[in-house]
C-alpha cells in the first residue's frame, strides 16, 4: 500500500470516529459553545471526504472557482477553524468564573 493511500485511509477512519462521537455529543448537549465545536468537527470531516474524492479524481480541483480562487476549497479549509474558534470564544465569554 502506498504512503498516500495509507494517509487517506487513516484520515477517513479517524475522521469518521471523531464525527461519530461529535454527533453523539450533539444529542447530549445544547450548549452553544459545544455546538460550534461540533459543527467545526463535522466541517473537518467534510473537508477530509472532499480531499479524498479530489485525490481519486472523482471531483475536480476547480469545482467552484471565482477569479481563479478555489472558493469551496478555501471554505472547507477555514470553516472548521472558524467554528471551533467561535466555540472557544463562547466558552470564554460565557464562563463568569474565569
Protein backbone atom coordinates (compact mmCIF):
# COMPACT_ATOMS: atom_id res chain seq x y z
CA UNK A 1 0.00 0.00 0.00
CA UNK A 2 1.39 3.40 -0.97
CA UNK A 3 2.12 6.07 1.61
CA UNK A 4 -0.53 8.47 0.26
CA UNK A 5 -3.21 5.78 0.33
CA UNK A 6 -2.34 4.96 3.94
CA UNK A 7 -2.65 8.63 4.91
CA UNK A 8 -6.04 8.90 3.17
CA UNK A 9 -7.39 5.73 4.81
CA UNK A 10 -6.25 6.73 8.30
CA UNK A 11 -7.71 10.25 7.89
CA UNK A 12 -11.06 8.80 6.81
CA UNK A 13 -11.16 6.31 9.71
CA UNK A 14 -10.09 8.76 12.43
CA UNK A 15 -12.31 11.49 10.99
CA UNK A 16 -15.29 9.13 10.94
CA UNK A 17 -14.70 8.17 14.57
CA UNK A 18 -14.38 11.81 15.60
CA UNK A 19 -17.54 12.74 13.68
CA UNK A 20 -19.46 9.83 15.21
CA UNK A 21 -18.63 10.93 18.73
CA UNK A 22 -19.33 14.57 17.87
CA UNK A 23 -22.83 13.59 16.75
CA UNK A 24 -23.31 11.61 19.98
CA UNK A 25 -22.23 14.65 21.98
CA UNK A 26 -24.58 16.86 19.97
CA UNK A 27 -27.53 14.74 21.10
CA UNK A 28 -26.48 15.15 24.76
CA UNK A 29 -25.72 18.89 24.91
CA UNK A 30 -27.45 22.10 23.92
CA UNK A 31 -24.68 24.49 24.97
CA UNK A 32 -23.85 26.90 22.14
CA UNK A 33 -20.09 26.59 22.63
CA UNK A 34 -20.15 22.82 22.21
CA UNK A 35 -22.47 23.10 19.22
CA UNK A 36 -19.95 25.35 17.44
CA UNK A 37 -17.10 22.93 18.20
CA UNK A 38 -19.22 20.01 16.95
CA UNK A 39 -20.06 21.88 13.73
CA UNK A 40 -16.34 22.55 13.27
CA UNK A 41 -15.65 18.83 13.67
CA UNK A 42 -18.29 17.98 11.07
CA UNK A 43 -16.74 20.52 8.68
CA UNK A 44 -13.35 18.85 9.16
CA UNK A 45 -14.84 15.54 8.06
CA UNK A 46 -16.46 17.15 5.02
CA UNK A 47 -13.02 18.52 4.11
CA UNK A 48 -11.49 15.04 4.52
CA UNK A 49 -14.11 13.50 2.24
CA UNK A 50 -13.71 16.30 -0.33
CA UNK A 51 -9.91 15.94 -0.34
CA UNK A 52 -10.22 12.15 -0.72
CA UNK A 53 -12.62 12.45 -3.66
CA UNK A 54 -10.30 15.02 -5.19
CA UNK A 55 -7.27 12.71 -4.75
CA UNK A 56 -9.05 9.87 -6.54
CA UNK A 57 -10.11 12.18 -9.37
CA UNK A 58 -13.83 11.93 -8.66
CA UNK A 59 -14.17 15.67 -8.02
CA UNK A 60 -12.41 18.43 -9.88
CA UNK A 61 -9.91 20.63 -8.07
CA UNK A 62 -11.65 23.65 -9.60
CA UNK A 63 -15.17 22.69 -8.59
CA UNK A 64 -16.14 26.20 -7.53
CA UNK A 65 -13.66 28.82 -8.69
CA UNK A 66 -14.17 32.56 -8.73
CA UNK A 67 -11.44 34.65 -10.39
CA UNK A 68 -9.04 31.72 -10.15
CA UNK A 69 -9.62 31.28 -6.40
CA UNK A 70 -10.93 27.83 -5.37
CA UNK A 71 -13.71 29.10 -3.09
CA UNK A 72 -15.00 25.69 -1.98
CA UNK A 73 -11.52 24.51 -1.01
CA UNK A 74 -10.86 27.79 0.80
CA UNK A 75 -14.09 27.45 2.77
CA UNK A 76 -13.53 23.79 3.62
CA UNK A 77 -10.05 24.51 4.97
CA UNK A 78 -11.04 27.55 7.05
CA UNK A 79 -14.63 26.96 8.23
CA UNK A 80 -13.71 24.27 10.79
CA UNK A 81 -11.21 26.54 12.49
CA UNK A 82 -13.65 29.43 12.40
CA UNK A 83 -16.40 27.39 14.10
CA UNK A 84 -14.02 25.99 16.72
CA UNK A 85 -12.71 29.50 17.42
CA UNK A 86 -16.28 30.78 17.86
CA UNK A 87 -16.90 27.90 20.27
CA UNK A 88 -13.84 28.79 22.33
CA UNK A 89 -14.83 32.47 22.38
CA UNK A 90 -18.31 31.46 23.53
CA UNK A 91 -16.80 29.39 26.36
CA UNK A 92 -14.51 32.24 27.42
CA UNK A 93 -17.22 34.91 27.38
CA UNK A 94 -19.90 32.69 28.88
CA UNK A 95 -17.94 31.49 31.90
CA UNK A 96 -18.02 34.14 34.63
CA UNK A 97 -15.65 32.28 37.00
CA UNK A 98 -12.53 32.94 34.93
